[in-house]
């Protein structure tokens, strides 16, 4: 009736970066291209990796943009090949991890990046030849370290997903210590990304009870600790809970996401300067109101269960609580605060309808439904 598969190896806890010494050869990597970005490189983490694995670092690509794009993938792939690498170490946020996944595909396969996008039927084109990867997240949001997807912007402006079990990193090293330096606004935005993953995957109508359980527990942890992690960046307990909640959110979203992400992917492709997690926080209330009447939501009492995981009295409190949390942690609550105007709605809707997450929303959204969600979020 359903394929349920949890295959990712995870090293979790403070100080677990040190396990890279043993995990790299277990992943089958002899010479690794390290993929990161300038802010991470400035923290000295590349030096720590070199100290752990020495000459197994074949090279470093630190030019990952805030939203990974096709040009950056090409540049990193060229460096991967010229360095003679046979695998990757990705250390950074979701953009870094997603770019590294694209390099793992492109270095092993022929053809332009768009041919591997799920929306183009590319999932079947991603084979076992894909190079292995060790993922080391420094944010608590995307969960890309245990996910089978990567989100990238193509040269034609579309924000698309690569989806394949071959993209799952061989190991995720989740060391909450690496998140302690994350600024408050990024802690907030990435935290709302994790919360949106847990909520959307739980509401998906697909049959996957293990994912449902993981989603609710991930939501419970993230909801209880996000405000503290944002206000008290050195709070190790809050950081650890946000880190595992982000990982759990991605463990379960193989079940499918929904309109929050189809809208965020579309708008993020149109304006790459907008942060994905912030967009998710803005769209979440309108999409939840739309999905509350979905047959699966009603039949299974899903909004009551969301409320219970969030420590709320009942289903009616879910949307107001999310709006209040967004404000409490300092994120904008409306598209207008991000400079988005209604004249962009047709382009956002066109992209959302083509996004792979559109198909797994628990209730089918029409163009008119999307327009109403956008108006509610403006």
Protein backbone atom coordinates (compact mmCIF):
# COMPACT_ATOMS: atom_id res chain seq x y z
CA UNK A 1 0.00 0.00 0.00
CA UNK A 2 2.91 2.38 0.69
CA UNK A 3 6.68 2.51 0.51
CA UNK A 4 8.11 3.52 3.90
CA UNK A 5 11.86 3.87 3.99
CA UNK A 6 14.21 5.40 6.60
CA UNK A 7 17.77 4.79 5.55
CA UNK A 8 19.88 7.73 6.70
CA UNK A 9 22.75 7.29 9.15
CA UNK A 10 22.84 10.17 11.69
CA UNK A 11 25.54 11.11 14.18
CA UNK A 12 23.83 13.48 16.60
CA UNK A 13 25.11 15.45 19.60
CA UNK A 14 27.55 18.04 20.82
CA UNK A 15 31.09 17.32 19.67
CA UNK A 16 30.02 14.87 16.98
CA UNK A 17 31.93 16.74 14.27
CA UNK A 18 34.87 14.60 15.41
CA UNK A 19 33.15 11.51 13.97
CA UNK A 20 34.00 12.80 10.48
CA UNK A 21 37.36 11.01 10.81
CA UNK A 22 35.63 7.63 10.85
CA UNK A 23 32.55 8.48 8.80
CA UNK A 24 34.36 9.71 5.70
CA UNK A 25 35.86 6.32 4.78
CA UNK A 26 32.63 4.56 5.79
CA UNK A 27 30.91 6.74 3.19
CA UNK A 28 33.38 5.49 0.58
CA UNK A 29 35.05 8.86 0.15
CA UNK A 30 38.81 9.04 -0.33
CA UNK A 31 39.13 12.61 -1.63
CA UNK A 32 36.36 15.06 -0.80
CA UNK A 33 35.41 18.40 -2.22
CA UNK A 34 34.26 20.53 0.71
CA UNK A 35 31.23 22.63 -0.24
CA UNK A 36 30.41 25.61 1.96
CA UNK A 37 29.90 29.38 1.83
CA UNK A 38 31.93 32.43 2.82
CA UNK A 39 30.36 32.97 6.27
CA UNK A 40 31.02 29.36 7.28
CA UNK A 41 34.57 29.47 5.95
CA UNK A 42 35.16 32.65 7.99
CA UNK A 43 34.28 30.76 11.19
CA UNK A 44 37.29 28.49 10.78
CA UNK A 45 35.26 25.32 10.28
CA UNK A 46 37.19 24.34 7.15
CA UNK A 47 40.38 24.35 9.21
CA UNK A 48 38.70 22.03 11.72
CA UNK A 49 37.74 19.66 8.91
CA UNK A 50 41.29 19.67 7.55
CA UNK A 51 42.56 18.89 11.05
CA UNK A 52 40.24 15.87 11.19
CA UNK A 53 40.75 14.37 7.72
CA UNK A 54 43.97 15.95 6.46
CA UNK A 55 44.82 15.39 2.81
CA UNK A 56 41.45 13.78 2.15
CA UNK A 57 40.25 17.33 1.42
CA UNK A 58 40.73 17.61 -2.33
CA UNK A 59 39.52 21.21 -2.54
CA UNK A 60 37.08 23.76 -1.14
CA UNK A 61 34.19 25.48 -2.90
CA UNK A 62 32.99 28.38 -0.74
CA UNK A 63 30.95 30.36 -3.27
CA UNK A 64 27.50 28.95 -2.46
CA UNK A 65 24.91 31.73 -2.86
CA UNK A 66 22.00 32.27 -0.48
CA UNK A 67 19.75 30.44 -2.93
CA UNK A 68 21.80 27.85 -4.86
CA UNK A 69 21.62 28.33 -8.61
CA UNK A 70 22.70 26.58 -11.76
CA UNK A 71 25.78 28.76 -12.31
CA UNK A 72 27.13 27.87 -8.86
CA UNK A 73 26.44 24.18 -9.47
CA UNK A 74 28.47 24.31 -12.69
CA UNK A 75 31.38 26.07 -11.02
CA UNK A 76 31.46 23.61 -8.12
CA UNK A 77 31.16 20.63 -10.47
CA UNK A 78 34.14 21.86 -12.49
CA UNK A 79 36.19 22.15 -9.29
CA UNK A 80 35.06 18.68 -8.18
CA UNK A 81 36.33 17.17 -11.42
CA UNK A 82 39.57 19.13 -11.62
CA UNK A 83 40.41 18.26 -7.99
CA UNK A 84 39.94 14.54 -8.64
CA UNK A 85 37.35 14.25 -5.88
CA UNK A 86 35.26 11.12 -5.37
CA UNK A 87 32.77 12.51 -2.87
CA UNK A 88 31.66 15.59 -0.99
CA UNK A 89 31.61 17.08 2.48
CA UNK A 90 28.88 19.72 2.69
CA UNK A 91 29.03 21.99 5.73
CA UNK A 92 26.56 24.84 6.06
CA UNK A 93 22.88 25.59 5.80
CA UNK A 94 20.33 24.15 3.44
CA UNK A 95 21.64 26.08 0.45
CA UNK A 96 25.09 24.54 0.85
CA UNK A 97 23.74 21.03 1.31
CA UNK A 98 21.42 21.33 -1.67
CA UNK A 99 24.15 22.67 -3.92
CA UNK A 100 26.43 19.79 -2.92
CA UNK A 101 23.69 17.29 -3.79
CA UNK A 102 23.39 18.85 -7.25
CA UNK A 103 27.17 18.55 -7.71
CA UNK A 104 26.98 14.89 -6.70
CA UNK A 105 24.48 14.38 -9.52
CA UNK A 106 26.06 16.57 -12.19
CA UNK A 107 29.58 15.22 -11.70
CA UNK A 108 28.28 11.69 -12.35
CA UNK A 109 25.77 12.27 -15.14
CA UNK A 110 25.58 13.97 -18.51
CA UNK A 111 23.02 16.59 -19.41
CA UNK A 112 21.89 20.03 -18.17
CA UNK A 113 20.66 20.46 -14.61
CA UNK A 114 17.03 20.91 -15.63
CA UNK A 115 16.83 17.37 -16.98
CA UNK A 116 17.22 16.05 -13.41
CA UNK A 117 14.41 18.19 -11.94
CA UNK A 118 11.46 16.19 -10.61
CA UNK A 119 9.02 18.40 -12.49
CA UNK A 120 10.83 17.44 -15.73
CA UNK A 121 10.65 13.72 -14.96
CA UNK A 122 14.26 13.76 -13.85
CA UNK A 123 13.97 11.52 -10.79
CA UNK A 124 14.49 8.38 -12.86
CA UNK A 125 17.58 9.92 -14.50
CA UNK A 126 19.42 10.18 -11.17
CA UNK A 127 21.26 6.89 -10.81
CA UNK A 128 23.41 5.06 -8.29
CA UNK A 129 26.42 6.66 -9.97
CA UNK A 130 25.67 9.79 -7.92
CA UNK A 131 28.74 10.58 -5.80
CA UNK A 132 28.54 10.02 -2.01
CA UNK A 133 28.20 12.89 0.41
CA UNK A 134 28.66 13.63 4.11
CA UNK A 135 26.28 16.38 5.28
CA UNK A 136 27.11 18.63 8.24
CA UNK A 137 24.33 21.18 8.91
CA UNK A 138 25.09 24.48 10.65
CA UNK A 139 21.46 25.62 10.78
CA UNK A 140 18.31 24.01 12.19
CA UNK A 141 15.78 24.28 9.42
CA UNK A 142 15.88 22.56 6.06
CA UNK A 143 16.86 19.09 7.26
CA UNK A 144 18.56 18.56 3.91
CA UNK A 145 21.15 16.46 5.72
CA UNK A 146 18.70 13.55 5.80
CA UNK A 147 16.48 14.44 2.85
CA UNK A 148 16.29 12.99 -0.63
CA UNK A 149 15.78 16.36 -2.30
CA UNK A 150 17.60 19.51 -3.30
CA UNK A 151 16.02 22.84 -4.26
CA UNK A 152 17.83 24.94 -6.87
CA UNK A 153 17.19 27.86 -9.20
CA UNK A 154 17.63 27.08 -12.90
CA UNK A 155 18.95 29.53 -15.43
CA UNK A 156 15.40 30.05 -16.68
CA UNK A 157 14.42 31.32 -13.21
CA UNK A 158 12.43 28.31 -12.06
CA UNK A 159 13.01 27.06 -8.53
CA UNK A 160 12.89 23.28 -8.87
CA UNK A 161 13.53 20.17 -6.83
CA UNK A 162 15.83 17.26 -7.50
CA UNK A 163 14.30 14.20 -5.84
CA UNK A 164 15.94 10.79 -5.53
CA UNK A 165 16.93 8.29 -2.88
CA UNK A 166 20.42 8.51 -4.40
CA UNK A 167 20.62 12.08 -3.06
CA UNK A 168 20.34 11.01 0.59
CA UNK A 169 23.72 11.72 2.23
CA UNK A 170 25.61 8.66 3.38
CA UNK A 171 25.78 10.18 6.84
CA UNK A 172 24.48 13.31 8.55
CA UNK A 173 26.71 14.71 11.29
CA UNK A 174 24.38 16.89 13.35
CA UNK A 175 26.46 18.76 15.93
CA UNK A 176 24.37 21.46 17.66
CA UNK A 177 27.59 23.25 18.60
CA UNK A 178 27.83 24.37 14.98
CA UNK A 179 24.52 26.25 15.31
CA UNK A 180 25.52 28.34 18.35
CA UNK A 181 26.84 31.18 16.17
CA UNK A 182 23.70 31.40 14.04
CA UNK A 183 22.24 34.95 14.22
CA UNK A 184 18.80 35.44 15.74
CA UNK A 185 17.03 36.26 12.46
CA UNK A 186 18.37 33.09 10.81
CA UNK A 187 17.58 31.01 13.88
CA UNK A 188 14.01 32.29 13.63
CA UNK A 189 13.64 31.82 9.88
CA UNK A 190 15.22 28.38 9.72
CA UNK A 191 13.24 27.32 12.78
CA UNK A 192 9.98 28.23 11.08
CA UNK A 193 11.15 26.21 8.09
CA UNK A 194 11.48 23.17 10.36
CA UNK A 195 8.05 23.82 11.87
CA UNK A 196 6.48 24.13 8.42
CA UNK A 197 8.05 20.81 7.38
CA UNK A 198 6.56 19.03 10.37
CA UNK A 199 3.12 20.57 9.92
CA UNK A 200 2.87 20.15 6.15
CA UNK A 201 4.09 16.58 6.08
CA UNK A 202 1.70 15.63 8.90
CA UNK A 203 -1.24 17.12 7.01
CA UNK A 204 -0.36 15.36 3.77
CA UNK A 205 -2.95 12.74 2.93
CA UNK A 206 -0.35 10.11 2.00
CA UNK A 207 -0.25 6.96 4.18
CA UNK A 208 2.89 6.93 6.32
CA UNK A 209 2.17 6.59 10.06
CA UNK A 210 5.89 6.58 11.04
CA UNK A 211 6.27 9.94 9.32
CA UNK A 212 3.21 11.27 11.14
CA UNK A 213 4.70 10.31 14.49
CA UNK A 214 8.05 11.86 13.68
CA UNK A 215 6.35 15.01 12.41
CA UNK A 216 4.32 15.54 15.59
CA UNK A 217 7.31 14.95 17.87
CA UNK A 218 9.48 17.23 15.74
CA UNK A 219 6.80 19.92 15.92
CA UNK A 220 6.53 19.53 19.70
CA UNK A 221 10.26 20.06 20.15
CA UNK A 222 10.57 22.93 17.69
CA UNK A 223 7.51 24.77 19.00
CA UNK A 224 8.70 24.48 22.60
CA UNK A 225 12.26 25.67 21.93
CA UNK A 226 12.30 28.05 18.95
CA UNK A 227 11.65 31.25 20.89
CA UNK A 228 14.34 30.36 23.44
CA UNK A 229 16.89 29.47 20.77
CA UNK A 230 16.21 32.81 19.08
CA UNK A 231 16.42 34.91 22.25
CA UNK A 232 19.21 32.92 23.96
CA UNK A 233 21.65 31.80 21.26
CA UNK A 234 23.94 30.07 23.77
CA UNK A 235 21.16 27.94 25.25
CA UNK A 236 22.54 24.50 24.44
CA UNK A 237 19.36 22.62 25.27
CA UNK A 238 17.25 24.80 22.97
CA UNK A 239 19.82 24.53 20.20
CA UNK A 240 19.96 20.75 20.50
CA UNK A 241 16.17 20.46 20.39
CA UNK A 242 15.96 22.70 17.32
CA UNK A 243 18.69 20.69 15.62
CA UNK A 244 16.96 17.34 16.08
CA UNK A 245 13.56 18.86 15.22
CA UNK A 246 14.94 20.07 11.89
CA UNK A 247 16.36 16.63 11.16
CA UNK A 248 13.04 15.01 12.09
CA UNK A 249 11.15 17.40 9.83
CA UNK A 250 13.15 16.18 6.85
CA UNK A 251 13.01 12.54 7.89
CA UNK A 252 9.25 12.71 7.55
CA UNK A 253 8.74 15.04 4.59
CA UNK A 254 9.38 12.22 2.17
CA UNK A 255 5.63 11.79 2.77
CA UNK A 256 5.06 15.04 0.89
CA UNK A 257 4.71 18.76 1.60
CA UNK A 258 2.07 21.14 0.28
CA UNK A 259 0.98 24.61 -0.76
CA UNK A 260 3.21 26.42 1.73
CA UNK A 261 6.22 25.08 -0.11
CA UNK A 262 4.79 25.36 -3.62
CA UNK A 263 4.18 29.06 -2.96
CA UNK A 264 7.57 29.59 -1.29
CA UNK A 265 9.43 27.80 -4.06
CA UNK A 266 7.65 29.86 -6.70
CA UNK A 267 8.15 33.24 -5.05
CA UNK A 268 11.70 32.34 -4.04
CA UNK A 269 12.51 31.64 -7.68
CA UNK A 270 11.09 35.00 -8.70
CA UNK A 271 13.00 36.83 -5.96
CA UNK A 272 16.00 34.82 -4.69
CA UNK A 273 16.74 37.45 -2.03
CA UNK A 274 13.73 36.28 -0.01
CA UNK A 275 14.55 33.67 2.65
CA UNK A 276 12.72 30.38 2.21
CA UNK A 277 11.96 29.88 5.91
CA UNK A 278 10.58 33.40 6.23
CA UNK A 279 8.29 32.82 3.25
CA UNK A 280 7.07 29.58 4.83
CA UNK A 281 6.20 31.47 8.02
CA UNK A 282 4.25 34.07 6.03
CA UNK A 283 2.29 31.53 3.95
CA UNK A 284 1.61 28.99 6.71
CA UNK A 285 -1.51 30.64 8.26
CA UNK A 286 -3.35 31.04 4.93
CA UNK A 287 -2.52 27.52 3.78
CA UNK A 288 -3.57 26.02 7.11
CA UNK A 289 -6.93 27.78 6.88
CA UNK A 290 -7.35 26.33 3.39
CA UNK A 291 -6.31 22.81 4.46
CA UNK A 292 -8.39 22.62 7.61
CA UNK A 293 -11.40 21.45 5.59
CA UNK A 294 -9.43 18.77 3.71
CA UNK A 295 -11.13 15.35 4.11
CA UNK A 296 -8.10 13.77 5.77
CA UNK A 297 -7.74 16.71 8.18
CA UNK A 298 -11.37 16.42 9.25
CA UNK A 299 -11.63 12.62 9.39
CA UNK A 300 -8.47 12.13 11.43
CA UNK A 301 -8.80 15.16 13.68
CA UNK A 302 -5.40 16.35 12.53
CA UNK A 303 -5.72 19.96 13.66
CA UNK A 304 -6.56 18.82 17.19
CA UNK A 305 -3.38 16.75 17.15
CA UNK A 306 -1.36 19.72 15.90
CA UNK A 307 -2.78 21.79 18.74
CA UNK A 308 -1.85 19.12 21.28
CA UNK A 309 1.75 18.95 20.01
CA UNK A 310 1.96 22.75 20.29
CA UNK A 311 0.52 22.80 23.80
CA UNK A 312 -2.63 24.64 22.69
CA UNK A 313 -6.23 24.24 23.84
CA UNK A 314 -7.69 23.23 20.51
CA UNK A 315 -7.71 23.39 16.73
CA UNK A 316 -8.97 26.97 16.60
CA UNK A 317 -5.79 28.16 18.32
CA UNK A 318 -3.32 26.78 15.76
CA UNK A 319 -3.32 29.59 13.19
CA UNK A 320 -3.37 32.48 15.71
CA UNK A 321 -0.54 30.83 17.64
CA UNK A 322 1.61 30.55 14.51
CA UNK A 323 0.98 34.20 13.66
CA UNK A 324 1.90 35.20 17.21
CA UNK A 325 5.06 33.08 17.19
CA UNK A 326 6.18 34.60 13.89
CA UNK A 327 5.94 38.07 15.42
CA UNK A 328 7.47 36.98 18.71
CA UNK A 329 10.67 35.75 17.04
CA UNK A 330 10.99 38.89 14.93
CA UNK A 331 9.93 37.67 11.50
CA UNK A 332 7.64 39.59 9.13
CA UNK A 333 4.11 38.27 9.05
CA UNK A 334 2.97 39.61 5.69
CA UNK A 335 4.22 39.64 2.10
CA UNK A 336 3.86 43.43 1.96
CA UNK A 337 6.56 43.69 4.64
CA UNK A 338 8.88 41.87 2.23
CA UNK A 339 8.12 44.26 -0.61
CA UNK A 340 5.91 41.78 -2.47
CA UNK A 341 2.93 43.36 -4.27
CA UNK A 342 -0.23 41.91 -5.76
CA UNK A 343 0.94 42.42 -9.34
CA UNK A 344 3.30 39.47 -8.79
CA UNK A 345 0.45 37.09 -7.93
CA UNK A 346 -0.08 35.65 -11.46
CA UNK A 347 3.58 34.65 -11.75
CA UNK A 348 3.62 33.16 -8.23
CA UNK A 349 0.47 31.15 -8.96
CA UNK A 350 1.83 29.86 -12.27
CA UNK A 351 4.97 28.61 -10.55
CA UNK A 352 3.10 27.10 -7.60
CA UNK A 353 0.84 25.06 -9.88
CA UNK A 354 3.92 23.51 -11.51
CA UNK A 355 5.79 22.84 -8.27
CA UNK A 356 6.19 19.23 -7.12
CA UNK A 357 4.79 20.10 -3.65
CA UNK A 358 1.50 21.24 -5.18
CA UNK A 359 0.57 17.63 -5.89
CA UNK A 360 0.90 16.42 -2.29
CA UNK A 361 -1.16 19.11 -0.57
CA UNK A 362 -4.05 17.41 1.28
CA UNK A 363 -6.58 19.47 -0.66
CA UNK A 364 -6.21 20.32 -4.34
CA UNK A 365 -5.63 24.04 -4.85
CA UNK A 366 -6.97 25.86 -7.91
CA UNK A 367 -5.52 29.10 -9.28
CA UNK A 368 -8.35 30.91 -7.49
CA UNK A 369 -7.46 29.16 -4.21
CA UNK A 370 -3.85 30.25 -4.56
CA UNK A 371 -4.96 33.80 -5.28
CA UNK A 372 -7.02 33.79 -2.07
CA UNK A 373 -4.06 32.44 -0.07
CA UNK A 374 -1.80 35.14 -1.49
CA UNK A 375 -4.35 37.87 -0.72
CA UNK A 376 -4.66 36.55 2.85
CA UNK A 377 -0.84 36.65 3.15
CA UNK A 378 -0.38 40.12 1.67
